[in-house]
Protein backbone atom coordinates (compact mmCIF):
# COMPACT_ATOMS: atom_id res chain seq x y z
CA MET A 1 99.19 66.09 97.45
CA LYS A 2 98.32 69.69 98.21
CA ASN A 3 97.26 70.84 101.65
CA LEU A 4 93.80 72.35 101.66
CA ILE A 5 92.07 74.25 104.43
CA HIS A 6 88.36 73.64 104.60
CA ASN A 7 86.06 76.31 105.97
CA VAL A 8 83.01 74.53 107.27
CA GLY A 9 79.95 76.44 108.33
CA PRO A 10 77.14 75.17 110.53
CA ASN A 11 74.77 74.70 107.57
CA ASP A 12 77.06 73.13 105.01
CA ALA A 13 79.47 70.26 105.16
CA ARG A 14 82.01 71.87 102.81
CA ARG A 15 81.32 75.46 101.88
CA ASP A 16 84.68 76.24 100.35
CA HIS A 17 88.36 75.47 100.57
CA VAL A 18 91.59 77.37 100.12
CA ASP A 19 94.59 75.91 98.32
CA ILE A 20 97.11 77.61 100.57
CA GLY A 21 100.07 77.26 98.24
CA ASP A 22 98.18 78.67 95.29
CA ALA A 23 96.77 81.51 97.40
CA VAL A 24 100.28 82.43 98.59
CA ARG A 25 101.67 82.35 95.05
CA ARG A 26 98.80 84.44 93.63
CA SER A 27 99.06 86.96 96.48
CA ARG A 28 102.84 87.20 96.05
CA GLU A 29 102.49 87.76 92.32
CA ALA A 30 99.70 90.32 92.84
CA VAL A 31 102.02 92.54 94.87
CA GLY A 32 104.85 92.05 92.39
CA TYR A 33 107.16 90.05 94.65
CA SER A 34 109.52 87.36 93.47
CA VAL A 35 110.08 84.36 95.74
CA ASP A 36 113.33 86.01 96.80
CA ASP A 37 111.56 89.30 97.59
CA LEU A 38 108.99 87.56 99.76
CA ALA A 39 111.62 85.47 101.53
CA LEU A 40 113.64 88.59 102.34
CA THR A 41 110.56 90.52 103.48
CA CYS A 42 109.20 87.88 105.84
CA GLY A 43 112.51 86.41 107.04
CA LEU A 44 112.08 82.96 105.53
CA THR A 45 114.30 81.20 103.03
CA CYS A 46 113.45 80.84 99.35
CA ALA A 47 113.19 77.09 99.93
CA GLU A 48 110.62 77.66 102.70
CA ILE A 49 108.57 79.93 100.43
CA SER A 50 108.73 77.36 97.64
CA ARG A 51 107.55 74.58 99.98
CA ILE A 52 104.66 76.77 101.11
CA GLU A 53 103.66 77.52 97.51
CA LEU A 54 103.83 73.82 96.65
CA GLY A 55 101.52 73.07 99.58
CA ALA A 56 104.18 71.01 101.34
CA ASP A 57 104.50 73.38 104.33
CA VAL A 58 101.48 74.91 106.04
CA ASP A 59 103.10 75.83 109.35
CA PRO A 60 100.80 78.49 110.85
CA GLU A 61 103.66 80.65 112.15
CA ARG A 62 105.35 80.76 108.74
CA LEU A 63 102.03 81.55 107.09
CA ARG A 64 101.45 84.41 109.54
CA ARG A 65 104.82 85.85 108.53
CA VAL A 66 103.83 85.58 104.87
CA VAL A 67 100.46 87.25 105.60
CA ALA A 68 102.23 90.14 107.30
CA ALA A 69 104.79 90.51 104.51
CA LEU A 70 102.15 90.48 101.78
CA ARG A 71 99.79 92.71 103.78
CA VAL A 72 96.78 90.55 102.99
CA PRO A 73 93.99 89.54 105.37
CA ALA A 74 94.67 86.33 107.29
CA THR A 75 91.42 84.99 105.85
CA THR A 76 93.13 84.87 102.46
CA PHE A 77 94.81 81.70 103.72
CA ALA A 78 92.02 80.73 106.15
CA LEU A 79 94.16 81.56 109.19
CA LYS A 80 92.70 82.62 112.50
CA HIS A 81 93.96 85.88 113.95
CA SER A 82 96.14 85.36 117.01
């Protein structure tokens, strides 16, 4: 089962959702990173990156590290800025 983040607005019950794992994978591929490249850049292990991409790990702190490493807006993964 994949973890989904739902962005709910005041006028709609379910406006859209983000498949976090898929968004991470697509963003990683868009910048030309391998799993190993991303792991090295953000200080996570390859296993942690793989779990994130499979949707099995949506720890906000790890996702913030991925966001910073990929240089994408936090909204790509529906994360709030801290």
